[in-house]
Amino acid sequence: MNHWFGSLRILAIIALAVLGAQTFTQSGWAEDQSIVVASTTSTQDSGLFGYLLPIVKQKTGVEVKVLAQGTGQALDTARRGDADVVFVHAKSAEEKFLAEGFGVKRYPVMYNDFVVIGPKDDPAGIKGKDVLTALQTIKTRAAPFVSRGDHSGTHIAELKLWKEAGIDIVNDRGSWYKEIGQGMGASLNMASASNAYVLSDRGTWLAFQNRGDLAVLVESDKRLFNQYGVMLVNPVKHPTVKKEAGQRFIDFLISPEGQNAIAGYKINGQQLFYPNANDPNA
């Protein structure tokens, strides 16, 4: 009798397990729903992911682990197949990544802008100037300037701006120009500690607490536009890519619901990112 009841109990456990598996499968989330997103320090340091990822998990079932790196490093991580999705902000580098066959498709997600931060007393006298004139002035006066120097989207944008300002920063820089090879938060900390100028994305600046005597000195220049894009890593190149969960994450970001969530992220009433998934030129 005990053997009969034991067998019945085992059959009941198996039936419950099968029913649970069927329910899980019917939900459409039968595969591993944990994905790795290689992204930028700006999306992390600004607090966007801390706000957004619980919403993603609730709405899609996808759990996201973020590798926060400079854009160049994030793209290299994806090239090695160590990420399922890449979410960065350097369009030229993203298009190169696609052309090499490492990404499936690029989707614009959102934008904000870069700002030039510096000491409130502005020893170089750049406040209110356009960004190219500001950089020329910083160089002429050898005012301390902190560069991320990490091949990030912000670093790429900075190098492009020096070039547009007619300055060969690799050959013309002096001891005033400090490359630190670190993320945005660390660069702002360095600028705060050394009373230096620095290019920052606005989102990280708004979330940054250790401002000291720093302030926004140059802004609202069209050259400071900062676009973010997202791509699924090509599963043909890397079969381990979780393409279904990765695409579900992307689809949420560019959906009206996801775009509204991004627009809803604010610090002290200030919006940090502006959704523009529907802009074909972004």
Protein backbone atom coordinates (compact mmCIF):
# COMPACT_ATOMS: atom_id res chain seq x y z
CA MET A 1 0.00 0.00 0.00
CA ASN A 2 2.82 2.39 0.92
CA HIS A 3 4.53 1.57 -2.39
CA TRP A 4 1.30 2.36 -4.28
CA PHE A 5 0.90 5.73 -2.52
CA GLY A 6 4.58 6.52 -3.12
CA SER A 7 4.18 5.85 -6.86
CA LEU A 8 1.04 7.98 -6.98
CA ARG A 9 2.87 10.83 -5.26
CA ILE A 10 5.74 10.66 -7.77
CA LEU A 11 3.29 10.71 -10.69
CA ALA A 12 1.54 13.76 -9.19
CA ILE A 13 4.86 15.63 -8.84
CA ILE A 14 5.76 14.80 -12.47
CA ALA A 15 2.34 15.98 -13.68
CA LEU A 16 2.71 19.27 -11.81
CA ALA A 17 6.18 19.78 -13.24
CA VAL A 18 4.95 19.14 -16.79
CA LEU A 19 1.99 21.50 -16.29
CA GLY A 20 4.34 24.17 -14.97
CA ALA A 21 6.66 23.73 -17.95
CA GLN A 22 3.71 24.00 -20.36
CA THR A 23 2.51 27.17 -18.66
CA PHE A 24 6.03 28.63 -18.86
CA THR A 25 6.27 27.71 -22.54
CA GLN A 26 2.86 29.20 -23.31
CA SER A 27 4.00 32.47 -21.78
CA GLY A 28 6.54 32.68 -24.59
CA TRP A 29 9.42 32.91 -22.10
CA ALA A 30 10.57 29.29 -22.11
CA GLU A 31 14.21 30.11 -22.94
CA ASP A 32 16.65 31.72 -20.55
CA GLN A 33 15.42 35.30 -20.21
CA SER A 34 18.63 36.76 -18.83
CA ILE A 35 20.57 38.78 -21.39
CA VAL A 36 23.81 40.75 -21.36
CA VAL A 37 23.69 44.30 -22.70
CA ALA A 38 27.01 45.99 -23.46
CA SER A 39 26.30 49.68 -22.94
CA THR A 40 27.90 52.96 -22.02
CA THR A 41 28.92 54.38 -18.69
CA SER A 42 26.61 57.32 -19.39
CA THR A 43 23.45 55.19 -19.41
CA GLN A 44 24.64 53.55 -16.19
CA ASP A 45 26.05 56.61 -14.38
CA SER A 46 23.00 58.71 -15.24
CA GLY A 47 20.80 56.24 -13.36
CA LEU A 48 18.73 55.39 -16.45
CA PHE A 49 19.25 51.64 -16.18
CA GLY A 50 18.49 51.56 -12.48
CA TYR A 51 15.13 53.14 -13.33
CA LEU A 52 14.40 51.37 -16.61
CA LEU A 53 15.43 47.74 -16.14
CA PRO A 54 12.82 46.85 -13.49
CA ILE A 55 10.20 48.15 -15.94
CA VAL A 56 11.71 46.00 -18.72
CA LYS A 57 11.60 42.92 -16.45
CA GLN A 58 7.98 43.57 -15.49
CA LYS A 59 6.77 44.19 -19.05
CA THR A 60 8.83 41.64 -21.01
CA GLY A 61 10.14 39.03 -18.58
CA VAL A 62 13.68 39.84 -19.70
CA GLU A 63 16.32 40.29 -17.00
CA VAL A 64 19.19 42.49 -18.15
CA LYS A 65 22.76 42.39 -16.93
CA VAL A 66 24.60 45.55 -18.03
CA LEU A 67 28.29 45.73 -18.88
CA ALA A 68 28.90 49.48 -18.57
CA GLN A 69 31.89 50.42 -20.72
CA GLY A 70 32.94 53.07 -23.17
CA THR A 71 31.21 52.68 -26.54
CA GLY A 72 34.39 51.35 -28.20
CA GLN A 73 34.84 48.73 -25.49
CA ALA A 74 31.14 47.83 -25.58
CA LEU A 75 31.29 47.25 -29.34
CA ASP A 76 34.44 45.13 -28.91
CA THR A 77 32.68 43.09 -26.21
CA ALA A 78 29.84 42.47 -28.66
CA ARG A 79 32.33 41.58 -31.44
CA ARG A 80 33.67 38.80 -29.20
CA GLY A 81 30.15 37.50 -28.63
CA ASP A 82 30.22 38.39 -24.93
CA ALA A 83 26.96 40.34 -25.14
CA ASP A 84 23.52 39.78 -26.66
CA VAL A 85 22.69 43.44 -27.28
CA VAL A 86 24.76 46.60 -27.59
CA PHE A 87 23.29 49.99 -26.59
CA VAL A 88 25.71 52.86 -27.29
CA HIS A 89 26.13 56.40 -28.64
CA ALA A 90 28.57 56.78 -31.51
CA LYS A 91 26.69 56.42 -34.79
CA SER A 92 29.78 56.14 -37.02
CA ALA A 93 31.19 53.34 -34.85
CA GLU A 94 27.77 51.63 -34.75
CA GLU A 95 27.51 51.72 -38.56
CA LYS A 96 31.02 50.22 -38.85
CA PHE A 97 29.96 47.45 -36.44
CA LEU A 98 26.97 46.71 -38.69
CA ALA A 99 29.05 46.83 -41.88
CA GLU A 100 31.40 44.23 -40.39
CA GLY A 101 28.42 41.91 -39.89
CA PHE A 102 28.46 41.91 -36.10
CA GLY A 103 25.04 43.51 -35.67
CA VAL A 104 21.64 42.69 -37.14
CA LYS A 105 20.05 46.15 -37.34
CA ARG A 106 20.54 49.52 -35.67
CA TYR A 107 17.54 51.14 -34.01
CA PRO A 108 17.63 54.75 -32.79
CA VAL A 109 16.33 54.98 -29.23
CA MET A 110 16.86 58.40 -27.68
CA TYR A 111 19.10 61.44 -27.53
CA ASN A 112 20.39 64.06 -25.17
CA ASP A 113 23.35 66.39 -25.56
CA PHE A 114 26.90 66.97 -24.48
CA VAL A 115 27.92 69.95 -22.35
CA VAL A 116 31.27 71.49 -21.51
CA ILE A 117 31.70 71.57 -17.75
CA GLY A 118 34.25 73.73 -15.96
CA PRO A 119 35.01 75.78 -12.84
CA LYS A 120 32.29 78.28 -11.98
CA ASP A 121 34.83 81.11 -12.03
CA ASP A 122 35.73 80.01 -15.61
CA PRO A 123 39.43 80.96 -15.72
CA ALA A 124 39.63 80.35 -19.50
CA GLY A 125 36.59 82.57 -20.18
CA ILE A 126 34.58 80.13 -22.32
CA LYS A 127 31.10 80.60 -20.83
CA GLY A 128 28.48 81.18 -23.49
CA LYS A 129 30.84 80.63 -26.43
CA ASP A 130 30.17 78.05 -29.16
CA VAL A 131 31.93 74.77 -28.47
CA LEU A 132 34.66 75.16 -31.12
CA THR A 133 35.66 78.61 -29.89
CA ALA A 134 35.59 77.29 -26.33
CA LEU A 135 38.01 74.47 -27.16
CA GLN A 136 40.32 76.83 -29.04
CA THR A 137 40.34 79.13 -26.00
CA ILE A 138 41.07 76.26 -23.59
CA LYS A 139 44.00 75.18 -25.76
CA THR A 140 45.39 78.72 -26.20
CA ARG A 141 45.27 79.37 -22.46
CA ALA A 142 46.48 75.85 -21.56
CA ALA A 143 43.59 75.51 -19.13
CA PRO A 144 43.36 72.09 -17.46
CA PHE A 145 41.15 69.72 -19.46
CA VAL A 146 40.19 66.14 -18.53
CA SER A 147 39.63 63.68 -21.39
CA ARG A 148 38.09 60.27 -20.85
CA GLY A 149 40.61 58.79 -23.27
CA ASP A 150 38.71 55.48 -23.32
CA HIS A 151 37.36 55.28 -26.91
CA SER A 152 33.86 55.86 -25.55
CA GLY A 153 31.13 57.68 -27.44
CA THR A 154 31.92 60.80 -25.42
CA HIS A 155 35.65 60.48 -26.15
CA ILE A 156 34.94 59.98 -29.88
CA ALA A 157 32.74 63.09 -29.83
CA GLU A 158 35.45 65.06 -28.00
CA LEU A 159 38.15 64.11 -30.52
CA LYS A 160 35.84 65.07 -33.38
CA LEU A 161 35.22 68.48 -31.81
CA TRP A 162 38.95 69.19 -31.37
CA LYS A 163 39.44 68.33 -35.03
CA GLU A 164 36.58 70.60 -36.11
CA ALA A 165 38.16 73.34 -34.00
CA GLY A 166 41.33 73.00 -36.10
CA ILE A 167 43.37 71.43 -33.30
CA ASP A 168 45.45 68.26 -33.67
CA ILE A 169 45.01 67.24 -30.06
CA VAL A 170 47.32 64.21 -30.35
CA ASN A 171 50.28 66.36 -31.37
CA ASP A 172 49.34 69.77 -29.96
CA ARG A 173 48.37 68.86 -26.43
CA GLY A 174 50.49 69.73 -23.43
CA SER A 175 50.49 68.90 -19.74
CA TRP A 176 47.17 70.78 -19.45
CA TYR A 177 45.42 67.92 -21.32
CA LYS A 178 44.91 64.87 -19.09
CA GLU A 179 43.70 61.56 -20.56
CA ILE A 180 42.57 59.27 -17.77
CA GLY A 181 41.17 56.19 -19.59
CA GLN A 182 38.08 56.03 -17.34
CA GLY A 183 34.34 56.56 -17.46
CA MET A 184 32.24 59.69 -17.24
CA GLY A 185 31.75 59.67 -13.48
CA ALA A 186 35.49 59.30 -12.86
CA SER A 187 36.24 62.07 -15.37
CA LEU A 188 33.84 64.44 -13.63
CA ASN A 189 35.40 63.56 -10.27
CA MET A 190 38.83 64.33 -11.69
CA ALA A 191 37.61 67.65 -13.11
CA SER A 192 36.05 68.54 -9.78
CA ALA A 193 39.24 67.69 -7.88
CA SER A 194 41.56 69.56 -10.27
CA ASN A 195 39.34 72.53 -11.26
CA ALA A 196 39.47 71.42 -14.88
CA TYR A 197 37.23 71.55 -17.93
CA VAL A 198 35.61 68.36 -19.28
CA LEU A 199 33.11 67.27 -21.94
CA SER A 200 30.20 65.34 -20.42
CA ASP A 201 26.89 63.94 -21.54
CA ARG A 202 24.13 65.93 -19.85
CA GLY A 203 22.50 62.84 -18.31
CA THR A 204 25.55 61.88 -16.25
CA TRP A 205 26.09 65.51 -15.25
CA LEU A 206 22.52 65.83 -13.95
CA ALA A 207 22.95 62.64 -11.90
CA PHE A 208 26.44 63.61 -10.66
CA GLN A 209 26.62 64.49 -6.97
CA ASN A 210 30.25 65.54 -6.44
CA ARG A 211 30.07 68.78 -8.41
CA GLY A 212 32.26 70.93 -6.17
CA ASP A 213 32.80 74.23 -8.00
CA LEU A 214 31.86 72.86 -11.43
CA ALA A 215 29.09 74.24 -13.66
CA VAL A 216 27.79 73.95 -17.22
CA LEU A 217 29.59 76.60 -19.27
CA VAL A 218 28.92 75.63 -22.91
CA GLU A 219 25.65 74.09 -24.13
CA SER A 220 22.92 74.27 -26.79
CA ASP A 221 25.33 73.98 -29.72
CA LYS A 222 24.04 71.71 -32.50
CA ARG A 223 27.48 70.04 -32.60
CA LEU A 224 26.79 68.72 -29.08
CA PHE A 225 23.86 66.50 -30.14
CA ASN A 226 24.20 63.00 -28.64
CA GLN A 227 22.24 60.10 -30.24
CA TYR A 228 21.88 56.60 -28.75
CA GLY A 229 21.25 53.43 -30.76
CA VAL A 230 20.64 49.76 -29.94
CA MET A 231 21.54 46.60 -31.91
CA LEU A 232 21.10 42.87 -31.52
CA VAL A 233 24.43 41.05 -31.85
CA ASN A 234 24.37 38.87 -34.97
CA PRO A 235 23.49 35.27 -33.97
CA VAL A 236 24.99 34.04 -37.26
CA LYS A 237 28.39 35.26 -36.02
CA HIS A 238 27.74 34.14 -32.45
CA PRO A 239 25.15 31.33 -32.10
CA THR A 240 25.10 31.77 -28.31
CA VAL A 241 23.30 35.12 -28.67
CA LYS A 242 19.87 35.02 -27.03
CA LYS A 243 18.16 36.51 -30.02
CA GLU A 244 14.53 36.20 -28.90
CA ALA A 245 15.03 37.77 -25.47
CA GLY A 246 17.45 40.34 -26.91
CA GLN A 247 14.99 41.38 -29.60
CA ARG A 248 12.18 41.58 -27.04
CA PHE A 249 14.31 44.02 -25.02
CA ILE A 250 14.95 46.12 -28.15
CA ASP A 251 11.29 46.02 -29.18
CA PHE A 252 10.29 47.34 -25.77
CA LEU A 253 12.79 50.22 -25.92
CA ILE A 254 11.44 51.42 -29.27
CA SER A 255 7.76 50.77 -28.48
CA PRO A 256 5.49 53.65 -27.41
CA GLU A 257 5.46 52.22 -23.89
CA GLY A 258 9.25 51.99 -23.73
CA GLN A 259 9.71 55.43 -25.22
CA ASN A 260 7.31 56.91 -22.66
CA ALA A 261 9.25 55.17 -19.88
CA ILE A 262 12.52 56.72 -21.11
CA ALA A 263 10.91 60.16 -21.30
CA GLY A 264 9.64 59.68 -17.75
CA TYR A 265 13.12 59.41 -16.23
CA LYS A 266 13.89 62.71 -14.52
CA ILE A 267 16.20 64.06 -11.85
CA ASN A 268 14.95 67.04 -9.87
CA GLY A 269 12.26 67.51 -12.48
CA GLN A 270 14.72 67.57 -15.39
CA GLN A 271 14.34 65.06 -18.21
CA LEU A 272 17.62 63.29 -19.01
CA PHE A 273 16.86 61.53 -22.32
CA TYR A 274 14.50 62.29 -25.18
CA PRO A 275 13.03 59.33 -27.10
CA ASN A 276 13.24 59.44 -30.90
CA ALA A 277 12.86 55.86 -32.13
CA ASN A 278 10.62 57.09 -34.95
CA ASP A 279 13.23 59.45 -36.41
CA PRO A 280 14.57 57.74 -39.57
CA ASN A 281 17.62 60.03 -39.63
CA ALA A 282 18.66 59.48 -36.01
